[in-house]
Amino acid sequence: MDANVDLNPRVGMKFDTLEDAWEFWLKYGRQVGFDVRKHYINKSKNDCKVTSRGFVCAKQGIRGKEKEDMICTRNRDETRTNF
């Protein structure tokens, strides 16, 4: 990605690859000052091609119940704040 690229996200942005989109989001988060994570992925039922992918702030949302109920060898701190 070119250093002169506008790092202001806009609704409807399109990228050539998922990797390009993820790299953009990582750079944007770094520039603004927050950590990021991958949120969801939607795929076509016909050919399994990705139709959309969501990226969010690492603190967005709350951890699902299924993650809380798992037996873990090491409990992780809750970092999501639902903002």
N, C-alpha and C. Protein backbone atom coordinates (compact mmCIF):
# COMPACT_ATOMS: atom_id res chain seq x y z
N MET A 1 0.85 -1.17 0.00
CA MET A 1 0.00 0.00 0.00
C MET A 1 0.89 1.23 0.00
N ASP A 2 0.58 2.18 -0.85
CA ASP A 2 1.34 3.40 -1.01
C ASP A 2 1.26 4.26 0.24
N ALA A 3 2.36 4.91 0.59
CA ALA A 3 2.41 5.75 1.80
C ALA A 3 1.50 6.96 1.68
N ASN A 4 1.14 7.37 0.45
CA ASN A 4 0.30 8.55 0.24
C ASN A 4 -1.20 8.23 0.21
N VAL A 5 -1.58 7.02 0.55
CA VAL A 5 -2.98 6.61 0.52
C VAL A 5 -3.74 7.29 1.66
N ASP A 6 -4.97 7.76 1.35
CA ASP A 6 -5.84 8.37 2.34
C ASP A 6 -6.29 7.29 3.33
N LEU A 7 -5.98 7.47 4.61
CA LEU A 7 -6.32 6.48 5.63
C LEU A 7 -7.61 6.81 6.37
N ASN A 8 -8.54 7.47 5.73
CA ASN A 8 -9.85 7.74 6.33
C ASN A 8 -10.85 6.74 5.76
N PRO A 9 -11.34 5.79 6.59
CA PRO A 9 -12.28 4.80 6.07
C PRO A 9 -13.62 5.45 5.70
N ARG A 10 -14.24 4.91 4.64
CA ARG A 10 -15.53 5.39 4.17
C ARG A 10 -16.44 4.18 3.90
N VAL A 11 -17.72 4.36 4.09
CA VAL A 11 -18.69 3.31 3.80
C VAL A 11 -18.59 2.94 2.32
N GLY A 12 -18.56 1.64 2.06
CA GLY A 12 -18.53 1.15 0.69
C GLY A 12 -17.16 1.02 0.08
N MET A 13 -16.12 1.20 0.87
CA MET A 13 -14.76 1.05 0.33
C MET A 13 -14.59 -0.37 -0.20
N LYS A 14 -13.83 -0.50 -1.28
CA LYS A 14 -13.55 -1.81 -1.86
C LYS A 14 -12.05 -1.98 -2.01
N PHE A 15 -11.60 -3.22 -1.82
CA PHE A 15 -10.19 -3.56 -1.92
C PHE A 15 -10.02 -4.73 -2.86
N ASP A 16 -8.85 -4.86 -3.43
CA ASP A 16 -8.57 -5.96 -4.36
C ASP A 16 -8.53 -7.31 -3.65
N THR A 17 -8.00 -7.33 -2.43
CA THR A 17 -7.88 -8.58 -1.68
C THR A 17 -8.24 -8.34 -0.22
N LEU A 18 -8.55 -9.42 0.50
CA LEU A 18 -8.78 -9.31 1.94
C LEU A 18 -7.53 -8.83 2.66
N GLU A 19 -6.39 -9.25 2.18
CA GLU A 19 -5.13 -8.82 2.80
C GLU A 19 -4.94 -7.31 2.68
N ASP A 20 -5.32 -6.73 1.53
CA ASP A 20 -5.22 -5.28 1.35
C ASP A 20 -6.15 -4.56 2.33
N ALA A 21 -7.37 -5.08 2.50
CA ALA A 21 -8.32 -4.47 3.43
C ALA A 21 -7.81 -4.55 4.86
N TRP A 22 -7.28 -5.70 5.26
CA TRP A 22 -6.76 -5.88 6.61
C TRP A 22 -5.57 -4.96 6.85
N GLU A 23 -4.68 -4.85 5.86
CA GLU A 23 -3.52 -3.97 6.00
C GLU A 23 -3.97 -2.52 6.16
N PHE A 24 -4.98 -2.10 5.40
CA PHE A 24 -5.52 -0.75 5.53
C PHE A 24 -6.03 -0.53 6.95
N TRP A 25 -6.82 -1.48 7.48
CA TRP A 25 -7.41 -1.33 8.81
C TRP A 25 -6.32 -1.31 9.89
N LEU A 26 -5.29 -2.14 9.74
CA LEU A 26 -4.18 -2.12 10.70
C LEU A 26 -3.50 -0.75 10.71
N LYS A 27 -3.23 -0.21 9.52
CA LYS A 27 -2.56 1.10 9.43
C LYS A 27 -3.45 2.20 9.99
N TYR A 28 -4.75 2.15 9.68
CA TYR A 28 -5.67 3.16 10.19
C TYR A 28 -5.72 3.10 11.72
N GLY A 29 -5.87 1.91 12.28
CA GLY A 29 -5.91 1.76 13.73
C GLY A 29 -4.65 2.28 14.38
N ARG A 30 -3.51 1.96 13.79
CA ARG A 30 -2.23 2.41 14.32
C ARG A 30 -2.15 3.94 14.28
N GLN A 31 -2.61 4.54 13.17
CA GLN A 31 -2.56 6.00 13.02
C GLN A 31 -3.45 6.70 14.04
N VAL A 32 -4.64 6.15 14.26
CA VAL A 32 -5.60 6.77 15.18
C VAL A 32 -5.31 6.40 16.63
N GLY A 33 -4.69 5.23 16.86
CA GLY A 33 -4.29 4.87 18.21
C GLY A 33 -5.11 3.77 18.86
N PHE A 34 -5.59 2.79 18.11
CA PHE A 34 -6.31 1.68 18.72
C PHE A 34 -5.92 0.36 18.05
N ASP A 35 -6.09 -0.74 18.82
CA ASP A 35 -5.84 -2.07 18.30
C ASP A 35 -7.08 -2.53 17.52
N VAL A 36 -6.87 -3.44 16.59
CA VAL A 36 -7.96 -3.90 15.73
C VAL A 36 -8.06 -5.42 15.77
N ARG A 37 -9.21 -5.91 15.31
CA ARG A 37 -9.40 -7.36 15.17
C ARG A 37 -10.40 -7.62 14.06
N LYS A 38 -10.41 -8.86 13.59
CA LYS A 38 -11.36 -9.28 12.56
C LYS A 38 -12.66 -9.65 13.26
N HIS A 39 -13.79 -9.19 12.71
CA HIS A 39 -15.09 -9.36 13.38
C HIS A 39 -15.93 -10.46 12.74
N TYR A 40 -16.26 -10.36 11.48
CA TYR A 40 -17.10 -11.36 10.83
C TYR A 40 -16.68 -11.53 9.37
N ILE A 41 -17.18 -12.59 8.76
CA ILE A 41 -16.96 -12.83 7.34
C ILE A 41 -18.24 -13.42 6.75
N ASN A 42 -18.64 -12.93 5.60
CA ASN A 42 -19.80 -13.46 4.88
C ASN A 42 -19.31 -14.04 3.56
N LYS A 43 -19.78 -15.24 3.26
CA LYS A 43 -19.38 -15.91 2.02
C LYS A 43 -20.63 -16.30 1.23
N SER A 44 -20.48 -16.31 -0.09
CA SER A 44 -21.56 -16.72 -0.98
C SER A 44 -21.82 -18.22 -0.81
N LYS A 45 -23.09 -18.60 -0.77
CA LYS A 45 -23.42 -20.02 -0.66
C LYS A 45 -23.13 -20.78 -1.96
N ASN A 46 -23.13 -20.07 -3.07
CA ASN A 46 -22.91 -20.71 -4.37
C ASN A 46 -21.46 -21.11 -4.59
N ASP A 47 -20.55 -20.17 -4.39
CA ASP A 47 -19.14 -20.45 -4.71
C ASP A 47 -18.18 -20.20 -3.55
N CYS A 48 -18.71 -19.91 -2.37
CA CYS A 48 -17.90 -19.69 -1.15
C CYS A 48 -16.94 -18.50 -1.26
N LYS A 49 -17.18 -17.59 -2.20
CA LYS A 49 -16.35 -16.39 -2.28
C LYS A 49 -16.79 -15.41 -1.19
N VAL A 50 -15.83 -14.69 -0.65
CA VAL A 50 -16.11 -13.70 0.39
C VAL A 50 -16.89 -12.54 -0.22
N THR A 51 -18.03 -12.22 0.38
CA THR A 51 -18.83 -11.09 -0.08
C THR A 51 -18.65 -9.86 0.80
N SER A 52 -18.32 -10.07 2.06
CA SER A 52 -18.03 -8.96 2.96
C SER A 52 -17.23 -9.46 4.16
N ARG A 53 -16.50 -8.54 4.77
CA ARG A 53 -15.66 -8.86 5.92
C ARG A 53 -15.68 -7.67 6.85
N GLY A 54 -15.85 -7.89 8.14
CA GLY A 54 -15.90 -6.80 9.10
C GLY A 54 -14.64 -6.72 9.94
N PHE A 55 -14.15 -5.51 10.12
CA PHE A 55 -13.02 -5.25 10.99
C PHE A 55 -13.47 -4.22 12.03
N VAL A 56 -13.06 -4.39 13.27
CA VAL A 56 -13.50 -3.51 14.34
C VAL A 56 -12.34 -3.18 15.28
N CYS A 57 -12.60 -2.22 16.16
CA CYS A 57 -11.68 -1.93 17.26
C CYS A 57 -11.61 -3.18 18.13
N ALA A 58 -10.47 -3.48 18.68
CA ALA A 58 -10.29 -4.68 19.49
C ALA A 58 -11.18 -4.69 20.73
N LYS A 59 -11.64 -3.54 21.18
CA LYS A 59 -12.47 -3.47 22.39
C LYS A 59 -13.96 -3.48 22.09
N GLN A 60 -14.34 -3.54 20.83
CA GLN A 60 -15.75 -3.51 20.45
C GLN A 60 -16.45 -4.79 20.87
N GLY A 61 -17.69 -4.66 21.36
CA GLY A 61 -18.51 -5.82 21.68
C GLY A 61 -18.19 -6.46 23.01
N ILE A 62 -18.80 -7.62 23.22
CA ILE A 62 -18.54 -8.40 24.42
C ILE A 62 -18.28 -9.84 23.99
N ARG A 63 -17.53 -10.54 24.77
CA ARG A 63 -17.20 -11.93 24.45
C ARG A 63 -18.45 -12.79 24.57
N GLY A 64 -18.65 -13.70 23.63
CA GLY A 64 -19.83 -14.56 23.62
C GLY A 64 -19.84 -15.54 24.77
N LYS A 65 -21.03 -15.98 25.14
CA LYS A 65 -21.19 -16.94 26.25
C LYS A 65 -20.40 -18.22 26.00
N GLU A 66 -20.38 -18.69 24.74
CA GLU A 66 -19.67 -19.94 24.45
C GLU A 66 -18.19 -19.84 24.80
N LYS A 67 -17.63 -18.66 24.71
CA LYS A 67 -16.21 -18.46 25.07
C LYS A 67 -16.04 -18.45 26.59
N GLU A 68 -17.04 -17.94 27.31
CA GLU A 68 -16.95 -17.86 28.77
C GLU A 68 -17.08 -19.24 29.41
N ASP A 69 -17.87 -20.12 28.78
CA ASP A 69 -18.16 -21.42 29.37
C ASP A 69 -17.10 -22.48 29.09
N MET A 70 -16.17 -22.18 28.23
CA MET A 70 -15.14 -23.17 27.89
C MET A 70 -14.21 -23.41 29.07
N ILE A 71 -13.77 -24.65 29.22
CA ILE A 71 -12.79 -24.97 30.25
C ILE A 71 -11.42 -24.60 29.69
N CYS A 72 -10.77 -23.67 30.35
CA CYS A 72 -9.50 -23.15 29.86
C CYS A 72 -8.39 -23.45 30.85
N THR A 73 -7.20 -23.62 30.31
CA THR A 73 -6.04 -23.79 31.19
C THR A 73 -5.56 -22.44 31.70
N ARG A 74 -5.92 -21.39 30.98
CA ARG A 74 -5.51 -20.05 31.37
C ARG A 74 -6.65 -19.09 31.05
N ASN A 75 -7.22 -18.48 32.06
CA ASN A 75 -8.30 -17.52 31.83
C ASN A 75 -7.72 -16.20 31.35
N ARG A 76 -8.30 -15.66 30.30
CA ARG A 76 -7.85 -14.38 29.77
C ARG A 76 -8.69 -13.26 30.37
N ASP A 77 -8.06 -12.12 30.56
CA ASP A 77 -8.77 -10.95 31.04
C ASP A 77 -9.78 -10.51 29.99
N GLU A 78 -10.90 -9.96 30.45
CA GLU A 78 -11.90 -9.42 29.53
C GLU A 78 -11.39 -8.06 29.07
N THR A 79 -11.22 -7.89 27.75
CA THR A 79 -10.69 -6.64 27.21
C THR A 79 -11.74 -5.88 26.43
N ARG A 80 -12.85 -6.51 26.11
CA ARG A 80 -13.88 -5.83 25.32
C ARG A 80 -14.76 -5.00 26.25
N THR A 81 -15.08 -3.79 25.80
CA THR A 81 -15.82 -2.87 26.63
C THR A 81 -17.21 -2.57 26.09
N ASN A 82 -17.59 -3.18 24.96
CA ASN A 82 -18.88 -2.99 24.32
C ASN A 82 -19.07 -1.57 23.80
N PHE A 83 -17.99 -0.93 23.38
CA PHE A 83 -18.07 0.40 22.76
C PHE A 83 -17.73 0.32 21.31
